[in-house]
Amino acid sequence: MLVGSQLIEIVIDSLRYENLKEILDEMFRDEVQKLKYFLEDVKEEDEELYNKIVDALKLFKENYEIEDIKIPKKIRVFLVKNNILFLNPQKGSLKPQSYLVWNAIKMLL
């Protein structure tokens, strides 16, 4: 049996998590849009580069982290400079800048 204050705490907790879900959904939509516009800009400038970038990003559909040499250096540097990927030179690995970016990659590609 719930006492009045316990019920209020449950309601407040549910509102807090609903707001958190809304915030996370908004952050995800924002990241998807940023990636989409980034890819659109690249495609307008250089379609060959766009195709190479899409091929590189497709490597992340199944894996969060990959070996850095799986992506050609020019593409790797371009994606790191544009804050799409993070390079860990000590491990020789690449991964998306965040889980939001990773999920945006998986959604768009």
PDB file of N, CA and C in Angstrom:
ATOM      1  N   MET A   1       0.832  -1.187   0.000  1.00  0.00           N
ATOM      2  CA  MET A   1       0.000   0.000   0.000  1.00  0.00           C
ATOM      3  C   MET A   1       0.873   1.245   0.000  1.00  0.00           C
ATOM      4  N   LEU A   2       0.545   2.177  -0.859  1.00  0.00           N
ATOM      5  CA  LEU A   2       1.321   3.405  -0.961  1.00  0.00           C
ATOM      6  C   LEU A   2       0.741   4.487  -0.071  1.00  0.00           C
ATOM      7  N   VAL A   3       1.630   5.157   0.616  1.00  0.00           N
ATOM      8  CA  VAL A   3       1.243   6.308   1.424  1.00  0.00           C
ATOM      9  C   VAL A   3       1.363   7.532   0.525  1.00  0.00           C
ATOM     10  N   GLY A   4       0.660   8.613   0.821  1.00  0.00           N
ATOM     11  CA  GLY A   4       0.616   9.804  -0.027  1.00  0.00           C
ATOM     12  C   GLY A   4       1.965  10.284  -0.523  1.00  0.00           C
ATOM     13  N   SER A   5       2.953  10.388   0.356  1.00  0.00           N
ATOM     14  CA  SER A   5       4.260  10.907  -0.064  1.00  0.00           C
ATOM     15  C   SER A   5       4.971   9.936  -1.007  1.00  0.00           C
ATOM     16  N   GLN A   6       4.747   8.637  -0.829  1.00  0.00           N
ATOM     17  CA  GLN A   6       5.358   7.653  -1.731  1.00  0.00           C
ATOM     18  C   GLN A   6       4.779   7.782  -3.133  1.00  0.00           C
ATOM     19  N   LEU A   7       3.490   8.010  -3.216  1.00  0.00           N
ATOM     20  CA  LEU A   7       2.840   8.186  -4.511  1.00  0.00           C
ATOM     21  C   LEU A   7       3.379   9.427  -5.216  1.00  0.00           C
ATOM     22  N   ILE A   8       3.562  10.498  -4.466  1.00  0.00           N
ATOM     23  CA  ILE A   8       4.109  11.732  -5.044  1.00  0.00           C
ATOM     24  C   ILE A   8       5.518  11.479  -5.569  1.00  0.00           C
ATOM     25  N   GLU A   9       6.330  10.746  -4.807  1.00  0.00           N
ATOM     26  CA  GLU A   9       7.688  10.437  -5.257  1.00  0.00           C
ATOM     27  C   GLU A   9       7.671   9.620  -6.546  1.00  0.00           C
ATOM     28  N   ILE A  10       6.756   8.682  -6.653  1.00  0.00           N
ATOM     29  CA  ILE A  10       6.641   7.874  -7.875  1.00  0.00           C
ATOM     30  C   ILE A  10       6.266   8.757  -9.056  1.00  0.00           C
ATOM     31  N   VAL A  11       5.325   9.665  -8.852  1.00  0.00           N
ATOM     32  CA  VAL A  11       4.911  10.580  -9.926  1.00  0.00           C
ATOM     33  C   VAL A  11       6.073  11.478 -10.331  1.00  0.00           C
ATOM     34  N   ILE A  12       6.781  12.034  -9.361  1.00  0.00           N
ATOM     35  CA  ILE A  12       7.926  12.909  -9.656  1.00  0.00           C
ATOM     36  C   ILE A  12       9.003  12.132 -10.402  1.00  0.00           C
ATOM     37  N   ASP A  13       9.294  10.903  -9.951  1.00  0.00           N
ATOM     38  CA  ASP A  13      10.289  10.080 -10.643  1.00  0.00           C
ATOM     39  C   ASP A  13       9.876   9.794 -12.076  1.00  0.00           C
ATOM     40  N   SER A  14       8.605   9.479 -12.288  1.00  0.00           N
ATOM     41  CA  SER A  14       8.165   9.177 -13.658  1.00  0.00           C
ATOM     42  C   SER A  14       8.267  10.415 -14.541  1.00  0.00           C
ATOM     43  N   LEU A  15       7.947  11.586 -13.996  1.00  0.00           N
ATOM     44  CA  LEU A  15       8.082  12.828 -14.773  1.00  0.00           C
ATOM     45  C   LEU A  15       9.544  13.111 -15.098  1.00  0.00           C
ATOM     46  N   ARG A  16      10.409  12.857 -14.127  1.00  0.00           N
ATOM     47  CA  ARG A  16      11.835  13.094 -14.339  1.00  0.00           C
ATOM     48  C   ARG A  16      12.345  12.227 -15.488  1.00  0.00           C
ATOM     49  N   TYR A  17      11.948  10.958 -15.498  1.00  0.00           N
ATOM     50  CA  TYR A  17      12.419  10.056 -16.542  1.00  0.00           C
ATOM     51  C   TYR A  17      11.761  10.345 -17.880  1.00  0.00           C
ATOM     52  N   GLU A  18      10.520  10.801 -17.877  1.00  0.00           N
ATOM     53  CA  GLU A  18       9.881  11.200 -19.137  1.00  0.00           C
ATOM     54  C   GLU A  18      10.619  12.384 -19.733  1.00  0.00           C
ATOM     55  N   ASN A  19      10.972  13.361 -18.882  1.00  0.00           N
ATOM     56  CA  ASN A  19      11.723  14.514 -19.366  1.00  0.00           C
ATOM     57  C   ASN A  19      13.098  14.091 -19.868  1.00  0.00           C
ATOM     58  N   LEU A  20      13.730  13.171 -19.168  1.00  0.00           N
ATOM     59  CA  LEU A  20      15.035  12.677 -19.594  1.00  0.00           C
ATOM     60  C   LEU A  20      14.927  12.003 -20.952  1.00  0.00           C
ATOM     61  N   LYS A  21      13.897  11.197 -21.139  1.00  0.00           N
ATOM     62  CA  LYS A  21      13.699  10.529 -22.426  1.00  0.00           C
ATOM     63  C   LYS A  21      13.489  11.555 -23.532  1.00  0.00           C
ATOM     64  N   GLU A  22      12.697  12.580 -23.257  1.00  0.00           N
ATOM     65  CA  GLU A  22      12.482  13.638 -24.250  1.00  0.00           C
ATOM     66  C   GLU A  22      13.790  14.336 -24.595  1.00  0.00           C
ATOM     67  N   ILE A  23      14.587  14.628 -23.579  1.00  0.00           N
ATOM     68  CA  ILE A  23      15.871  15.299 -23.796  1.00  0.00           C
ATOM     69  C   ILE A  23      16.796  14.419 -24.626  1.00  0.00           C
ATOM     70  N   LEU A  24      16.883  13.138 -24.285  1.00  0.00           N
ATOM     71  CA  LEU A  24      17.750  12.224 -25.033  1.00  0.00           C
ATOM     72  C   LEU A  24      17.265  12.047 -26.469  1.00  0.00           C
ATOM     73  N   ASP A  25      15.958  11.967 -26.654  1.00  0.00           N
ATOM     74  CA  ASP A  25      15.409  11.868 -28.015  1.00  0.00           C
ATOM     75  C   ASP A  25      15.751  13.110 -28.827  1.00  0.00           C
ATOM     76  N   GLU A  26      15.652  14.272 -28.196  1.00  0.00           N
ATOM     77  CA  GLU A  26      15.978  15.519 -28.891  1.00  0.00           C
ATOM     78  C   GLU A  26      17.463  15.574 -29.249  1.00  0.00           C
ATOM     79  N   MET A  27      18.316  15.149 -28.327  1.00  0.00           N
ATOM     80  CA  MET A  27      19.757  15.128 -28.604  1.00  0.00           C
ATOM     81  C   MET A  27      20.065  14.181 -29.757  1.00  0.00           C
ATOM     82  N   PHE A  28      19.396  13.033 -29.778  1.00  0.00           N
ATOM     83  CA  PHE A  28      19.614  12.067 -30.853  1.00  0.00           C
ATOM     84  C   PHE A  28      19.161  12.640 -32.191  1.00  0.00           C
ATOM     85  N   ARG A  29      17.972  13.241 -32.224  1.00  0.00           N
ATOM     86  CA  ARG A  29      17.476  13.847 -33.473  1.00  0.00           C
ATOM     87  C   ARG A  29      18.431  14.930 -33.958  1.00  0.00           C
ATOM     88  N   ASP A  30      18.969  15.707 -33.030  1.00  0.00           N
ATOM     89  CA  ASP A  30      19.926  16.756 -33.379  1.00  0.00           C
ATOM     90  C   ASP A  30      21.177  16.153 -34.013  1.00  0.00           C
ATOM     91  N   GLU A  31      21.683  15.086 -33.430  1.00  0.00           N
ATOM     92  CA  GLU A  31      22.891  14.430 -33.961  1.00  0.00           C
ATOM     93  C   GLU A  31      22.630  13.835 -35.339  1.00  0.00           C
ATOM     94  N   VAL A  32      21.462  13.245 -35.534  1.00  0.00           N
ATOM     95  CA  VAL A  32      21.098  12.689 -36.843  1.00  0.00           C
ATOM     96  C   VAL A  32      21.071  13.807 -37.883  1.00  0.00           C
ATOM     97  N   GLN A  33      20.459  14.930 -37.537  1.00  0.00           N
ATOM     98  CA  GLN A  33      20.374  16.048 -38.484  1.00  0.00           C
ATOM     99  C   GLN A  33      21.761  16.597 -38.816  1.00  0.00           C
ATOM    100  N   LYS A  34      22.611  16.739 -37.796  1.00  0.00           N
ATOM    101  CA  LYS A  34      23.970  17.242 -38.042  1.00  0.00           C
ATOM    102  C   LYS A  34      24.720  16.328 -39.001  1.00  0.00           C
ATOM    103  N   LEU A  35      24.632  15.025 -38.766  1.00  0.00           N
ATOM    104  CA  LEU A  35      25.323  14.074 -39.635  1.00  0.00           C
ATOM    105  C   LEU A  35      24.735  14.101 -41.038  1.00  0.00           C
ATOM    106  N   LYS A  36      23.429  14.182 -41.126  1.00  0.00           N
ATOM    107  CA  LYS A  36      22.762  14.227 -42.430  1.00  0.00           C
ATOM    108  C   LYS A  36      23.206  15.464 -43.221  1.00  0.00           C
ATOM    109  N   TYR A  37      23.241  16.624 -42.571  1.00  0.00           N
ATOM    110  CA  TYR A  37      23.656  17.852 -43.261  1.00  0.00           C
ATOM    111  C   TYR A  37      25.145  17.826 -43.602  1.00  0.00           C
ATOM    112  N   PHE A  38      25.948  17.232 -42.726  1.00  0.00           N
ATOM    113  CA  PHE A  38      27.374  17.075 -43.020  1.00  0.00           C
ATOM    114  C   PHE A  38      27.561  16.249 -44.292  1.00  0.00           C
ATOM    115  N   LEU A  39      26.871  15.111 -44.361  1.00  0.00           N
ATOM    116  CA  LEU A  39      26.984  14.248 -45.543  1.00  0.00           C
ATOM    117  C   LEU A  39      26.458  14.950 -46.795  1.00  0.00           C
ATOM    118  N   GLU A  40      25.389  15.700 -46.648  1.00  0.00           N
ATOM    119  CA  GLU A  40      24.832  16.440 -47.784  1.00  0.00           C
ATOM    120  C   GLU A  40      25.833  17.474 -48.301  1.00  0.00           C
ATOM    121  N   ASP A  41      26.485  18.190 -47.389  1.00  0.00           N
ATOM    122  CA  ASP A  41      27.489  19.186 -47.787  1.00  0.00           C
ATOM    123  C   ASP A  41      28.655  18.528 -48.516  1.00  0.00           C
ATOM    124  N   VAL A  42      29.123  17.411 -47.985  1.00  0.00           N
ATOM    125  CA  VAL A  42      30.233  16.700 -48.625  1.00  0.00           C
ATOM    126  C   VAL A  42      29.827  16.246 -50.022  1.00  0.00           C
ATOM    127  N   LYS A  43      28.634  15.713 -50.152  1.00  0.00           N
ATOM    128  CA  LYS A  43      28.161  15.208 -51.448  1.00  0.00           C
ATOM    129  C   LYS A  43      28.083  16.326 -52.483  1.00  0.00           C
ATOM    130  N   GLU A  44      27.626  17.508 -52.068  1.00  0.00           N
ATOM    131  CA  GLU A  44      27.547  18.641 -52.990  1.00  0.00           C
ATOM    132  C   GLU A  44      28.929  19.096 -53.448  1.00  0.00           C
ATOM    133  N   GLU A  45      29.909  18.993 -52.557  1.00  0.00           N
ATOM    134  CA  GLU A  45      31.269  19.427 -52.884  1.00  0.00           C
ATOM    135  C   GLU A  45      32.029  18.398 -53.721  1.00  0.00           C
ATOM    136  N   ASP A  46      31.908  17.125 -53.334  1.00  0.00           N
ATOM    137  CA  ASP A  46      32.729  16.092 -53.971  1.00  0.00           C
ATOM    138  C   ASP A  46      32.051  14.728 -53.799  1.00  0.00           C
ATOM    139  N   GLU A  47      31.386  14.266 -54.828  1.00  0.00           N
ATOM    140  CA  GLU A  47      30.615  13.021 -54.724  1.00  0.00           C
ATOM    141  C   GLU A  47      31.511  11.806 -54.490  1.00  0.00           C
ATOM    142  N   GLU A  48      32.706  11.815 -55.054  1.00  0.00           N
ATOM    143  CA  GLU A  48      33.626  10.689 -54.839  1.00  0.00           C
ATOM    144  C   GLU A  48      34.041  10.605 -53.370  1.00  0.00           C
ATOM    145  N   LEU A  49      34.348  11.762 -52.784  1.00  0.00           N
ATOM    146  CA  LEU A  49      34.691  11.804 -51.360  1.00  0.00           C
ATOM    147  C   LEU A  49      33.499  11.347 -50.521  1.00  0.00           C
ATOM    148  N   TYR A  50      32.317  11.788 -50.884  1.00  0.00           N
ATOM    149  CA  TYR A  50      31.088  11.380 -50.186  1.00  0.00           C
ATOM    150  C   TYR A  50      30.953   9.855 -50.174  1.00  0.00           C
ATOM    151  N   ASN A  51      31.138   9.226 -51.321  1.00  0.00           N
ATOM    152  CA  ASN A  51      31.014   7.765 -51.407  1.00  0.00           C
ATOM    153  C   ASN A  51      32.039   7.062 -50.527  1.00  0.00           C
ATOM    154  N   LYS A  52      33.256   7.601 -50.482  1.00  0.00           N
ATOM    155  CA  LYS A  52      34.296   7.012 -49.630  1.00  0.00           C
ATOM    156  C   LYS A  52      33.954   7.173 -48.150  1.00  0.00           C
ATOM    157  N   ILE A  53      33.388   8.322 -47.800  1.00  0.00           N
ATOM    158  CA  ILE A  53      33.000   8.568 -46.411  1.00  0.00           C
ATOM    159  C   ILE A  53      31.867   7.635 -46.001  1.00  0.00           C
ATOM    160  N   VAL A  54      30.883   7.489 -46.858  1.00  0.00           N
ATOM    161  CA  VAL A  54      29.765   6.586 -46.558  1.00  0.00           C
ATOM    162  C   VAL A  54      30.276   5.157 -46.388  1.00  0.00           C
ATOM    163  N   ASP A  55      31.170   4.727 -47.275  1.00  0.00           N
ATOM    164  CA  ASP A  55      31.744   3.381 -47.149  1.00  0.00           C
ATOM    165  C   ASP A  55      32.484   3.225 -45.818  1.00  0.00           C
ATOM    166  N   ALA A  56      33.220   4.270 -45.431  1.00  0.00           N
ATOM    167  CA  ALA A  56      33.960   4.219 -44.167  1.00  0.00           C
ATOM    168  C   ALA A  56      33.004   4.153 -42.978  1.00  0.00           C
ATOM    169  N   LEU A  57      31.969   4.971 -43.001  1.00  0.00           N
ATOM    170  CA  LEU A  57      31.030   5.000 -41.876  1.00  0.00           C
ATOM    171  C   LEU A  57      30.213   3.718 -41.773  1.00  0.00           C
ATOM    172  N   LYS A  58      30.006   3.051 -42.901  1.00  0.00           N
ATOM    173  CA  LYS A  58      29.263   1.786 -42.874  1.00  0.00           C
ATOM    174  C   LYS A  58      29.987   0.727 -42.043  1.00  0.00           C
ATOM    175  N   LEU A  59      31.290   0.883 -41.876  1.00  0.00           N
ATOM    176  CA  LEU A  59      32.052  -0.059 -41.049  1.00  0.00           C
ATOM    177  C   LEU A  59      31.591  -0.021 -39.591  1.00  0.00           C
ATOM    178  N   PHE A  60      30.918   1.070 -39.213  1.00  0.00           N
ATOM    179  CA  PHE A  60      30.469   1.226 -37.828  1.00  0.00           C
ATOM    180  C   PHE A  60      29.039   0.745 -37.600  1.00  0.00           C
ATOM    181  N   LYS A  61      28.404   0.219 -38.629  1.00  0.00           N
ATOM    182  CA  LYS A  61      27.028  -0.273 -38.442  1.00  0.00           C
ATOM    183  C   LYS A  61      26.977  -1.439 -37.457  1.00  0.00           C
ATOM    184  N   GLU A  62      28.014  -2.256 -37.471  1.00  0.00           N
ATOM    185  CA  GLU A  62      28.039  -3.439 -36.609  1.00  0.00           C
ATOM    186  C   GLU A  62      29.027  -3.317 -35.456  1.00  0.00           C
ATOM    187  N   ASN A  63      29.985  -2.400 -35.568  1.00  0.00           N
ATOM    188  CA  ASN A  63      31.034  -2.283 -34.553  1.00  0.00           C
ATOM    189  C   ASN A  63      31.171  -0.841 -34.096  1.00  0.00           C
ATOM    190  N   TYR A  64      31.331  -0.667 -32.786  1.00  0.00           N
ATOM    191  CA  TYR A  64      31.527   0.673 -32.239  1.00  0.00           C
ATOM    192  C   TYR A  64      32.966   1.135 -32.451  1.00  0.00           C
ATOM    193  N   GLU A  65      33.897   0.204 -32.446  1.00  0.00           N
ATOM    194  CA  GLU A  65      35.311   0.544 -32.577  1.00  0.00           C
ATOM    195  C   GLU A  65      35.944  -0.359 -33.627  1.00  0.00           C
ATOM    196  N   ILE A  66      36.767   0.249 -34.492  1.00  0.00           N
ATOM    197  CA  ILE A  66      37.446  -0.527 -35.530  1.00  0.00           C
ATOM    198  C   ILE A  66      38.928  -0.157 -35.557  1.00  0.00           C
ATOM    199  N   GLU A  67      39.702  -0.987 -36.227  1.00  0.00           N
ATOM    200  CA  GLU A  67      41.120  -0.708 -36.413  1.00  0.00           C
ATOM    201  C   GLU A  67      41.263   0.484 -37.356  1.00  0.00           C
ATOM    202  N   ASP A  68      42.147   1.409 -37.013  1.00  0.00           N
ATOM    203  CA  ASP A  68      42.253   2.653 -37.783  1.00  0.00           C
ATOM    204  C   ASP A  68      42.635   2.450 -39.247  1.00  0.00           C
ATOM    205  N   ILE A  69      43.425   1.438 -39.553  1.00  0.00           N
ATOM    206  CA  ILE A  69      43.872   1.268 -40.940  1.00  0.00           C
ATOM    207  C   ILE A  69      42.791   0.712 -41.863  1.00  0.00           C
ATOM    208  N   LYS A  70      41.622   0.396 -41.317  1.00  0.00           N
ATOM    209  CA  LYS A  70      40.521  -0.063 -42.169  1.00  0.00           C
ATOM    210  C   LYS A  70      39.934   1.082 -42.991  1.00  0.00           C
ATOM    211  N   ILE A  71      40.245   2.310 -42.589  1.00  0.00           N
ATOM    212  CA  ILE A  71      39.767   3.487 -43.317  1.00  0.00           C
ATOM    213  C   ILE A  71      40.988   4.209 -43.880  1.00  0.00           C
ATOM    214  N   PRO A  72      40.969   4.550 -45.173  1.00  0.00           N
ATOM    215  CA  PRO A  72      42.108   5.261 -45.763  1.00  0.00           C
ATOM    216  C   PRO A  72      42.436   6.543 -44.989  1.00  0.00           C
ATOM    217  N   LYS A  73      43.725   6.863 -44.928  1.00  0.00           N
ATOM    218  CA  LYS A  73      44.185   7.977 -44.095  1.00  0.00           C
ATOM    219  C   LYS A  73      43.467   9.285 -44.416  1.00  0.00           C
ATOM    220  N   LYS A  74      43.302   9.621 -45.683  1.00  0.00           N
ATOM    221  CA  LYS A  74      42.662  10.886 -46.063  1.00  0.00           C
ATOM    222  C   LYS A  74      41.241  10.963 -45.493  1.00  0.00           C
ATOM    223  N   ILE A  75      40.501   9.882 -45.591  1.00  0.00           N
ATOM    224  CA  ILE A  75      39.124   9.836 -45.094  1.00  0.00           C
ATOM    225  C   ILE A  75      39.121   9.863 -43.572  1.00  0.00           C
ATOM    226  N   ARG A  76      40.013   9.099 -42.981  1.00  0.00           N
ATOM    227  CA  ARG A  76      40.139   9.030 -41.519  1.00  0.00           C
ATOM    228  C   ARG A  76      40.408  10.418 -40.935  1.00  0.00           C
ATOM    229  N   VAL A  77      41.373  11.126 -41.504  1.00  0.00           N
ATOM    230  CA  VAL A  77      41.722  12.467 -41.024  1.00  0.00           C
ATOM    231  C   VAL A  77      40.540  13.422 -41.201  1.00  0.00           C
ATOM    232  N   PHE A  78      39.876  13.349 -42.338  1.00  0.00           N
ATOM    233  CA  PHE A  78      38.729  14.212 -42.617  1.00  0.00           C
ATOM    234  C   PHE A  78      37.620  13.996 -41.583  1.00  0.00           C
ATOM    235  N   LEU A  79      37.319  12.750 -41.272  1.00  0.00           N
ATOM    236  CA  LEU A  79      36.249  12.449 -40.318  1.00  0.00           C
ATOM    237  C   LEU A  79      36.634  12.817 -38.886  1.00  0.00           C
ATOM    238  N   VAL A  80      37.900  12.692 -38.551  1.00  0.00           N
ATOM    239  CA  VAL A  80      38.357  13.089 -37.216  1.00  0.00           C
ATOM    240  C   VAL A  80      38.305  14.611 -37.086  1.00  0.00           C
ATOM    241  N   LYS A  81      38.785  15.326 -38.112  1.00  0.00           N
ATOM    242  CA  LYS A  81      38.774  16.794 -38.072  1.00  0.00           C
ATOM    243  C   LYS A  81      37.361  17.358 -38.010  1.00  0.00           C
ATOM    244  N   ASN A  82      36.402  16.636 -38.554  1.00  0.00           N
ATOM    245  CA  ASN A  82      35.011  17.092 -38.535  1.00  0.00           C
ATOM    246  C   ASN A  82      34.226  16.527 -37.348  1.00  0.00           C
ATOM    247  N   ASN A  83      34.939  15.989 -36.374  1.00  0.00           N
ATOM    248  CA  ASN A  83      34.345  15.489 -35.127  1.00  0.00           C
ATOM    249  C   ASN A  83      33.278  14.423 -35.327  1.00  0.00           C
ATOM    250  N   ILE A  84      33.465  13.610 -36.348  1.00  0.00           N
ATOM    251  CA  ILE A  84      32.577  12.470 -36.552  1.00  0.00           C
ATOM    252  C   ILE A  84      33.192  11.245 -35.869  1.00  0.00           C
ATOM    253  N   LEU A  85      34.493  11.087 -36.040  1.00  0.00           N
ATOM    254  CA  LEU A  85      35.207   9.951 -35.446  1.00  0.00           C
ATOM    255  C   LEU A  85      36.269  10.431 -34.469  1.00  0.00           C
ATOM    256  N   PHE A  86      36.639   9.539 -33.567  1.00  0.00           N
ATOM    257  CA  PHE A  86      37.713   9.773 -32.611  1.00  0.00           C
ATOM    258  C   PHE A  86      38.807   8.751 -32.876  1.00  0.00           C
ATOM    259  N   LEU A  87      40.036   9.228 -33.002  1.00  0.00           N
ATOM    260  CA  LEU A  87      41.190   8.357 -33.229  1.00  0.00           C
ATOM    261  C   LEU A  87      41.938   8.172 -31.920  1.00  0.00           C
ATOM    262  N   ASN A  88      42.141   6.924 -31.545  1.00  0.00           N
ATOM    263  CA  ASN A  88      42.976   6.605 -30.395  1.00  0.00           C
ATOM    264  C   ASN A  88      44.288   6.064 -30.952  1.00  0.00           C
ATOM    265  N   PRO A  89      45.328   6.913 -31.046  1.00  0.00           N
ATOM    266  CA  PRO A  89      46.582   6.475 -31.663  1.00  0.00           C
ATOM    267  C   PRO A  89      47.311   5.405 -30.857  1.00  0.00           C
ATOM    268  N   GLN A  90      47.102   5.370 -29.549  1.00  0.00           N
ATOM    269  CA  GLN A  90      47.763   4.356 -28.728  1.00  0.00           C
ATOM    270  C   GLN A  90      47.220   2.962 -29.017  1.00  0.00           C
ATOM    271  N   LYS A  91      45.918   2.874 -29.244  1.00  0.00           N
ATOM    272  CA  LYS A  91      45.300   1.581 -29.547  1.00  0.00           C
ATOM    273  C   LYS A  91      45.215   1.327 -31.043  1.00  0.00           C
ATOM    274  N   GLY A  92      45.450   2.367 -31.849  1.00  0.00           N
ATOM    275  CA  GLY A  92      45.299   2.218 -33.292  1.00  0.00           C
ATOM    276  C   GLY A  92      43.856   1.943 -33.668  1.00  0.00           C
ATOM    277  N   SER A  93      42.946   2.669 -33.010  1.00  0.00           N
ATOM    278  CA  SER A  93      41.528   2.415 -33.262  1.00  0.00           C
ATOM    279  C   SER A  93      40.761   3.702 -33.538  1.00  0.00           C
ATOM    280  N   LEU A  94      39.633   3.529 -34.189  1.00  0.00           N
ATOM    281  CA  LEU A  94      38.705   4.617 -34.480  1.00  0.00           C
ATOM    282  C   LEU A  94      37.350   4.250 -33.914  1.00  0.00           C
ATOM    283  N   LYS A  95      36.650   5.257 -33.414  1.00  0.00           N
ATOM    284  CA  LYS A  95      35.271   5.057 -32.986  1.00  0.00           C
ATOM    285  C   LYS A  95      34.536   6.380 -33.141  1.00  0.00           C
ATOM    286  N   PRO A  96      33.226   6.338 -33.209  1.00  0.00           N
ATOM    287  CA  PRO A  96      32.460   7.580 -33.299  1.00  0.00           C
ATOM    288  C   PRO A  96      32.725   8.463 -32.077  1.00  0.00           C
ATOM    289  N   GLN A  97      32.542   9.770 -32.247  1.00  0.00           N
ATOM    290  CA  GLN A  97      32.795  10.715 -31.157  1.00  0.00           C
ATOM    291  C   GLN A  97      31.939  10.431 -29.927  1.00  0.00           C
ATOM    292  N   SER A  98      30.770   9.860 -30.128  1.00  0.00           N
ATOM    293  CA  SER A  98      29.878   9.556 -29.004  1.00  0.00           C
ATOM    294  C   SER A  98      28.922   8.441 -29.419  1.00  0.00           C
ATOM    295  N   TYR A  99      28.199   7.935 -28.437  1.00  0.00           N
ATOM    296  CA  TYR A  99      27.179   6.929 -28.756  1.00  0.00           C
ATOM    297  C   TYR A  99      26.051   7.542 -29.577  1.00  0.00           C
ATOM    298  N   LEU A 100      25.795   8.835 -29.381  1.00  0.00           N
ATOM    299  CA  LEU A 100      24.782   9.507 -30.201  1.00  0.00           C
ATOM    300  C   LEU A 100      25.204   9.514 -31.663  1.00  0.00           C
ATOM    301  N   VAL A 101      26.473   9.833 -31.923  1.00  0.00           N
ATOM    302  CA  VAL A 101      26.978   9.822 -33.301  1.00  0.00           C
ATOM    303  C   VAL A 101      26.897   8.406 -33.862  1.00  0.00           C
ATOM    304  N   TRP A 102      27.276   7.427 -33.052  1.00  0.00           N
ATOM    305  CA  TRP A 102      27.232   6.031 -33.513  1.00  0.00           C
ATOM    306  C   TRP A 102      25.815   5.629 -33.900  1.00  0.00           C
ATOM    307  N   ASN A 103      24.853   5.970 -33.067  1.00  0.00           N
ATOM    308  CA  ASN A 103      23.464   5.634 -33.377  1.00  0.00           C
ATOM    309  C   ASN A 103      22.957   6.404 -34.589  1.00  0.00           C
ATOM    310  N   ALA A 104      23.417   7.636 -34.768  1.00  0.00           N
ATOM    311  CA  ALA A 104      23.042   8.408 -35.959  1.00  0.00           C
ATOM    312  C   ALA A 104      23.604   7.743 -37.215  1.00  0.00           C
ATOM    313  N   ILE A 105      24.840   7.274 -37.150  1.00  0.00           N
ATOM    314  CA  ILE A 105      25.455   6.568 -38.279  1.00  0.00           C
ATOM    315  C   ILE A 105      24.627   5.334 -38.617  1.00  0.00           C
ATOM    316  N   LYS A 106      24.291   4.565 -37.597  1.00  0.00           N
ATOM    317  CA  LYS A 106      23.525   3.338 -37.831  1.00  0.00           C
ATOM    318  C   LYS A 106      22.147   3.644 -38.407  1.00  0.00           C
ATOM    319  N   MET A 107      21.553   4.739 -38.006  1.00  0.00           N
ATOM    320  CA  MET A 107      20.221   5.078 -38.500  1.00  0.00           C
ATOM    321  C   MET A 107      20.258   5.568 -39.947  1.00  0.00           C
ATOM    322  N   LEU A 108      21.241   6.415 -40.265  1.00  0.00           N
ATOM    323  CA  LEU A 108      21.287   7.024 -41.597  1.00  0.00           C
ATOM    324  C   LEU A 108      21.835   6.094 -42.666  1.00  0.00           C
ATOM    325  N   LEU A 109      22.696   5.166 -42.282  1.00  0.00           N
ATOM    326  CA  LEU A 109      23.317   4.314 -43.284  1.00  0.00           C
ATOM    327  C   LEU A 109      22.735   2.924 -43.166  1.00  0.00           C
TER     328      LEU A 109
END
